[in-house]
Amino acid sequence: MPWLINAAQLDKFRKSQKNVVLLDATSHLPVTGRDAREEFLKTHIVGARFLDLDAFHDKESSLPNMLIRDEALISEKMGALGITKEHKVIFYDNSDNHTSCRALWMFKVFGHNPNLLYILDGGYSVWERYGGKIEVGEAKHISSKIYQTNFEAHLIRTLVQMKTNLHHPAEQVVDMRHPVRYAGGPELRQGLRSGHIPGSYSFPYMTMFEADGRFKPMEKIRKQLTGIGVDLHYPVISMCGSGMTASILDFMLDLMGHTEHSLYDGSWAEWGADHLFPGEESLDERPVITCLDK
């Protein structure tokens, strides 16, 4: 099980623990106009390295954030970060989308021990309020390590699996997008239909956070989930617009001790597409409904 830590705990870790790597996993939506790497160069937590999430996305896919599956390439990229399977890895971000959760989920998929993965609750802004040390510029030079990837495909759901689950429901689908989009409002990207997967639950990711960016108490989030009808005794699939904020629920389910959950990486960018994918004969294979449908 991964861990959620506060700024004081992070400060203690970096001063006393060995084999600790701190990664800035900030990423922003293109519409924000923000550059995460430039922001890192201007200021970051002392000792942090920048984790470019986009470098781990499949550039051959037409979908925005599909995770690469080439284990040799993953091992090369992880090793270049100076990480081994024995490292404790602490993630933080300065993103409205809480992208450190995507980074942690990604590392789980790559086979890193979840017990060695941590997230700083509240991210960079909490560290600033704590008065923690910061620095500017590039991270210190690190030597490459050998990282042995063990791709955990069971943590990902594919389009084929989502179609199967629609007709033979075995897993609950929780949609993390804004409720207006779930209900049938306009989409952020071109070429997408509006609405949601039939039978899915609406659970906007922002409902899990306090105003200062920290997570709400876990039991409160648990009650929120069960309050909309999710049964935590059964498997859960999280999804969102493109697989980023879905990882927030994945992380929270980890903390709750829920063991059977996965993430639909294609998410609405794939299911809601207004064109056919190879092998499909009709969009009826990917039905979409809105809150106005009977």
Protein backbone atom coordinates (compact mmCIF):
# COMPACT_ATOMS: atom_id res chain seq x y z
CA MET A 1 0.00 0.00 0.00
CA PRO A 2 1.34 3.47 -0.88
CA TRP A 3 1.46 6.30 1.64
CA LEU A 4 0.19 9.86 2.06
CA ILE A 5 2.58 12.09 4.03
CA ASN A 6 2.63 15.69 5.20
CA ALA A 7 5.35 18.32 4.82
CA ALA A 8 6.96 17.61 8.20
CA GLN A 9 7.20 13.91 7.38
CA LEU A 10 8.76 14.71 4.00
CA ASP A 11 11.30 16.96 5.71
CA LYS A 12 12.22 14.16 8.08
CA PHE A 13 12.47 11.65 5.22
CA ARG A 14 14.86 13.72 3.16
CA LYS A 15 17.12 14.34 6.16
CA SER A 16 17.20 10.86 7.68
CA GLN A 17 16.20 8.22 5.14
CA LYS A 18 18.49 6.50 2.66
CA ASN A 19 17.49 5.47 -0.86
CA VAL A 20 14.87 8.20 -1.13
CA VAL A 21 14.08 9.91 -4.44
CA LEU A 22 11.87 13.00 -4.55
CA LEU A 23 10.09 13.62 -7.86
CA ASP A 24 8.20 16.70 -9.01
CA ALA A 25 5.38 15.11 -11.04
CA THR A 26 3.65 18.33 -12.05
CA SER A 27 1.77 18.29 -15.35
CA HIS A 28 -0.79 20.74 -16.74
CA LEU A 29 -3.53 20.59 -19.33
CA PRO A 30 -2.49 22.33 -22.59
CA VAL A 31 -5.35 24.84 -22.23
CA THR A 32 -3.72 26.31 -19.09
CA GLY A 33 -0.69 27.55 -21.04
CA ARG A 34 1.54 26.51 -18.13
CA ASP A 35 4.89 24.75 -18.61
CA ALA A 36 5.60 22.34 -15.75
CA ARG A 37 9.31 22.01 -16.51
CA GLU A 38 9.81 25.78 -16.65
CA GLU A 39 8.03 26.09 -13.32
CA PHE A 40 10.35 23.43 -11.89
CA LEU A 41 13.40 25.40 -13.02
CA LYS A 42 12.08 28.51 -11.30
CA THR A 43 11.45 26.78 -7.98
CA HIS A 44 11.15 23.27 -6.57
CA ILE A 45 11.59 21.37 -3.34
CA VAL A 46 15.26 20.99 -2.52
CA GLY A 47 16.70 17.77 -3.91
CA ALA A 48 13.77 17.07 -6.23
CA ARG A 49 14.11 15.73 -9.75
CA PHE A 50 11.62 16.53 -12.51
CA LEU A 51 9.45 13.67 -13.73
CA ASP A 52 8.14 14.35 -17.22
CA LEU A 53 4.91 12.33 -17.32
CA ASP A 54 4.56 12.91 -21.04
CA ALA A 55 7.81 11.03 -21.63
CA PHE A 56 6.01 7.86 -20.49
CA HIS A 57 3.06 8.28 -22.85
CA ASP A 58 2.73 6.34 -26.08
CA LYS A 59 3.57 8.77 -28.89
CA GLU A 60 2.20 6.35 -31.50
CA SER A 61 -1.27 6.41 -29.97
CA SER A 62 -3.86 8.91 -31.17
CA LEU A 63 -5.06 9.18 -27.58
CA PRO A 64 -3.52 11.85 -25.31
CA ASN A 65 -2.08 9.98 -22.30
CA MET A 66 -1.86 6.28 -23.09
CA LEU A 67 0.89 4.66 -21.05
CA ILE A 68 3.79 3.10 -22.95
CA ARG A 69 4.06 -0.68 -22.63
CA ASP A 70 7.57 -1.28 -23.97
CA GLU A 71 9.34 -2.66 -20.87
CA ALA A 72 12.82 -2.06 -22.26
CA LEU A 73 12.00 1.59 -22.94
CA ILE A 74 10.37 2.00 -19.53
CA SER A 75 13.44 0.51 -17.83
CA GLU A 76 15.69 2.89 -19.73
CA LYS A 77 13.64 5.95 -18.75
CA MET A 78 13.35 4.90 -15.11
CA GLY A 79 17.04 4.16 -14.89
CA ALA A 80 17.82 7.60 -16.32
CA LEU A 81 15.97 9.09 -13.37
CA GLY A 82 18.47 7.38 -11.08
CA ILE A 83 15.84 5.02 -9.67
CA THR A 84 16.11 1.36 -8.74
CA LYS A 85 13.40 -0.98 -7.47
CA GLU A 86 14.79 -0.49 -3.93
CA HIS A 87 14.24 3.27 -3.83
CA LYS A 88 11.54 4.92 -1.78
CA VAL A 89 9.91 7.42 -4.14
CA ILE A 90 8.07 10.52 -2.94
CA PHE A 91 5.91 12.39 -5.45
CA TYR A 92 4.57 15.92 -5.26
CA ASP A 93 3.03 18.33 -7.75
CA ASN A 94 1.86 21.89 -8.25
CA SER A 95 -1.05 21.02 -10.52
CA ASP A 96 -4.80 21.53 -10.27
CA ASN A 97 -5.10 17.96 -11.53
CA HIS A 98 -3.02 16.48 -8.66
CA THR A 99 -0.81 14.67 -11.15
CA SER A 100 1.42 13.10 -8.50
CA CYS A 101 -1.35 10.47 -8.29
CA ARG A 102 -0.87 9.64 -11.97
CA ALA A 103 2.87 9.27 -11.36
CA LEU A 104 2.33 6.90 -8.45
CA TRP A 105 -0.15 4.79 -10.41
CA MET A 106 2.33 4.67 -13.29
CA PHE A 107 5.09 3.39 -11.01
CA LYS A 108 2.74 0.70 -9.67
CA VAL A 109 2.07 -0.42 -13.24
CA PHE A 110 5.83 -0.57 -13.84
CA GLY A 111 6.13 -3.00 -10.94
CA HIS A 112 7.52 -0.75 -8.20
CA ASN A 113 6.66 -1.94 -4.70
CA PRO A 114 3.61 0.15 -3.63
CA ASN A 115 4.92 0.15 -0.05
CA LEU A 116 7.83 2.30 -1.28
CA LEU A 117 5.65 4.95 -2.93
CA TYR A 118 4.55 8.19 -1.22
CA ILE A 119 2.62 11.35 -2.07
CA LEU A 120 3.04 14.72 -0.37
CA ASP A 121 -0.47 15.74 0.69
CA GLY A 122 -1.22 19.21 -0.69
CA GLY A 123 1.82 19.29 -2.96
CA TYR A 124 4.21 22.18 -3.43
CA SER A 125 1.93 24.83 -1.89
CA VAL A 126 1.86 22.90 1.41
CA TRP A 127 5.66 22.70 1.36
CA GLU A 128 5.81 26.48 0.88
CA ARG A 129 3.46 27.11 3.81
CA TYR A 130 5.54 24.75 5.91
CA GLY A 131 8.62 26.84 5.13
CA GLY A 132 10.53 23.95 3.62
CA LYS A 133 13.74 24.48 1.70
CA ILE A 134 13.51 25.16 -2.02
CA GLU A 135 16.00 25.58 -4.84
CA VAL A 136 16.08 26.74 -8.45
CA GLY A 137 17.53 25.50 -11.71
CA GLU A 138 18.28 22.01 -12.92
CA ALA A 139 18.40 19.10 -10.53
CA LYS A 140 21.83 17.86 -9.52
CA HIS A 141 23.42 15.41 -11.93
CA ILE A 142 22.58 11.78 -11.23
CA SER A 143 24.05 8.61 -12.62
CA SER A 144 21.82 6.14 -14.43
CA LYS A 145 20.73 3.01 -12.60
CA ILE A 146 19.44 -0.39 -13.66
CA TYR A 147 15.67 -0.62 -13.33
CA GLN A 148 13.91 -3.94 -13.94
CA THR A 149 10.38 -3.25 -15.14
CA ASN A 150 7.62 -5.76 -14.42
CA PHE A 151 4.57 -4.40 -16.25
CA GLU A 152 1.41 -4.98 -14.20
CA ALA A 153 -1.20 -4.99 -16.98
CA HIS A 154 -3.97 -6.04 -14.57
CA LEU A 155 -3.98 -2.48 -13.20
CA ILE A 156 -5.14 -1.15 -16.60
CA ARG A 157 -8.46 -1.60 -18.39
CA THR A 158 -8.60 -1.52 -22.18
CA LEU A 159 -11.41 -0.60 -24.55
CA VAL A 160 -12.16 -4.27 -25.18
CA GLN A 161 -12.40 -4.94 -21.45
CA MET A 162 -14.68 -1.92 -20.97
CA LYS A 163 -17.02 -3.18 -23.69
CA THR A 164 -17.10 -6.62 -22.11
CA ASN A 165 -17.85 -5.13 -18.70
CA LEU A 166 -20.72 -3.12 -20.19
CA HIS A 167 -22.49 -6.26 -21.38
CA HIS A 168 -21.41 -8.51 -18.51
CA PRO A 169 -21.00 -6.15 -15.52
CA ALA A 170 -18.41 -7.37 -13.05
CA GLU A 171 -16.72 -4.07 -12.17
CA GLN A 172 -18.16 -0.70 -11.13
CA VAL A 173 -17.13 2.22 -13.33
CA VAL A 174 -16.54 5.56 -11.58
CA ASP A 175 -16.24 8.65 -13.79
CA MET A 176 -14.08 11.44 -12.31
CA ARG A 177 -14.92 14.18 -14.85
CA HIS A 178 -16.79 17.37 -14.02
CA PRO A 179 -20.49 16.55 -13.44
CA VAL A 180 -21.54 18.82 -16.33
CA ARG A 181 -19.49 16.73 -18.74
CA TYR A 182 -20.84 13.51 -17.24
CA ALA A 183 -24.40 14.83 -17.60
CA GLY A 184 -23.93 15.61 -21.29
CA GLY A 185 -22.39 19.07 -21.39
CA PRO A 186 -19.71 20.13 -23.89
CA GLU A 187 -16.39 18.34 -23.99
CA LEU A 188 -12.99 20.03 -23.73
CA ARG A 189 -11.51 18.23 -26.73
CA GLN A 190 -12.69 18.20 -30.34
CA GLY A 191 -14.06 14.97 -31.80
CA LEU A 192 -15.77 13.71 -28.65
CA ARG A 193 -19.40 12.91 -27.96
CA SER A 194 -21.05 14.15 -24.78
CA GLY A 195 -22.34 12.03 -21.93
CA HIS A 196 -21.12 8.98 -20.03
CA ILE A 197 -20.82 5.21 -20.14
CA PRO A 198 -24.16 3.60 -19.27
CA GLY A 199 -24.20 2.42 -15.66
CA SER A 200 -21.18 4.47 -14.57
CA TYR A 201 -21.14 6.63 -11.44
CA SER A 202 -20.31 10.33 -11.38
CA PHE A 203 -17.70 11.19 -8.74
CA PRO A 204 -15.86 14.42 -9.68
CA TYR A 205 -12.26 14.31 -8.48
CA MET A 206 -12.44 17.79 -6.90
CA THR A 207 -14.89 16.50 -4.29
CA MET A 208 -12.02 14.62 -2.61
CA PHE A 209 -10.02 17.74 -1.71
CA GLU A 210 -10.09 20.49 0.87
CA ALA A 211 -9.86 24.12 -0.25
CA ASP A 212 -6.08 24.15 0.41
CA GLY A 213 -5.45 21.20 -1.91
CA ARG A 214 -5.05 18.51 0.75
CA PHE A 215 -7.12 15.34 0.66
CA LYS A 216 -10.26 15.23 2.74
CA PRO A 217 -10.21 12.63 5.55
CA MET A 218 -10.29 9.14 4.07
CA GLU A 219 -13.46 8.13 5.91
CA LYS A 220 -15.27 11.17 4.51
CA ILE A 221 -14.28 10.16 0.98
CA ARG A 222 -15.39 6.60 1.70
CA LYS A 223 -18.82 7.89 2.74
CA GLN A 224 -18.99 10.07 -0.36
CA LEU A 225 -18.34 7.03 -2.55
CA THR A 226 -20.80 4.74 -0.84
CA GLY A 227 -23.29 7.59 -0.77
CA ILE A 228 -23.53 7.61 -4.57
CA GLY A 229 -24.01 3.84 -4.64
CA VAL A 230 -20.49 2.46 -5.04
CA ASP A 231 -20.06 -0.84 -3.17
CA LEU A 232 -16.46 -1.07 -1.97
CA HIS A 233 -16.76 -4.84 -1.55
CA TYR A 234 -16.62 -5.16 -5.34
CA PRO A 235 -14.10 -4.20 -8.06
CA VAL A 236 -13.86 -0.60 -9.25
CA ILE A 237 -12.63 0.93 -12.52
CA SER A 238 -11.76 4.63 -12.40
CA MET A 239 -11.89 6.80 -15.50
CA CYS A 240 -11.86 10.49 -16.45
CA GLY A 241 -11.17 12.52 -19.58
CA SER A 242 -7.77 11.07 -20.50
CA GLY A 243 -6.62 8.88 -17.61
CA MET A 244 -4.99 11.56 -15.45
CA THR A 245 -7.41 12.47 -12.66
CA ALA A 246 -8.77 8.90 -12.59
CA SER A 247 -5.54 8.01 -10.79
CA ILE A 248 -6.64 10.15 -7.80
CA LEU A 249 -9.41 7.69 -6.95
CA ASP A 250 -7.05 4.79 -7.66
CA PHE A 251 -4.67 6.17 -5.02
CA MET A 252 -7.44 6.77 -2.49
CA LEU A 253 -8.74 3.21 -2.97
CA ASP A 254 -5.21 1.99 -2.24
CA LEU A 255 -5.24 3.92 1.04
CA MET A 256 -8.63 2.44 1.92
CA GLY A 257 -7.24 -1.06 1.53
CA HIS A 258 -9.46 -1.77 -1.49
CA THR A 259 -7.56 -4.38 -3.47
CA GLU A 260 -9.53 -4.85 -6.70
CA HIS A 261 -9.36 -1.62 -8.67
CA SER A 262 -7.94 -0.54 -12.00
CA LEU A 263 -7.80 2.47 -14.31
CA TYR A 264 -9.27 2.87 -17.79
CA ASP A 265 -6.33 4.55 -19.47
CA GLY A 266 -8.15 5.52 -22.67
CA SER A 267 -10.99 6.99 -20.60
CA TRP A 268 -13.45 9.37 -22.31
CA ALA A 269 -10.91 10.37 -24.97
CA GLU A 270 -11.31 6.82 -26.27
CA TRP A 271 -14.85 5.77 -25.31
CA GLY A 272 -16.39 9.13 -26.25
CA ALA A 273 -14.59 9.46 -29.60
CA ASP A 274 -16.87 10.25 -32.52
CA HIS A 275 -14.99 7.95 -34.91
CA LEU A 276 -14.55 4.20 -35.15
CA PHE A 277 -11.44 2.39 -33.98
CA PRO A 278 -9.91 -0.57 -35.87
CA GLY A 279 -12.22 -3.58 -35.70
CA GLU A 280 -15.33 -1.60 -34.82
CA GLU A 281 -18.38 -1.65 -37.08
CA SER A 282 -20.53 0.94 -35.33
CA LEU A 283 -20.45 3.53 -32.56
CA ASP A 284 -23.20 1.45 -30.98
CA GLU A 285 -20.35 -0.66 -29.59
CA ARG A 286 -19.51 2.36 -27.40
CA PRO A 287 -22.93 3.63 -26.28
CA VAL A 288 -23.17 7.05 -24.70
CA ILE A 289 -26.05 8.34 -22.60
CA THR A 290 -26.78 11.66 -20.91
CA CYS A 291 -28.76 12.55 -17.83
CA LEU A 292 -31.65 13.50 -20.13
CA ASP A 293 -31.93 9.98 -21.56
CA LYS A 294 -34.69 7.78 -20.19
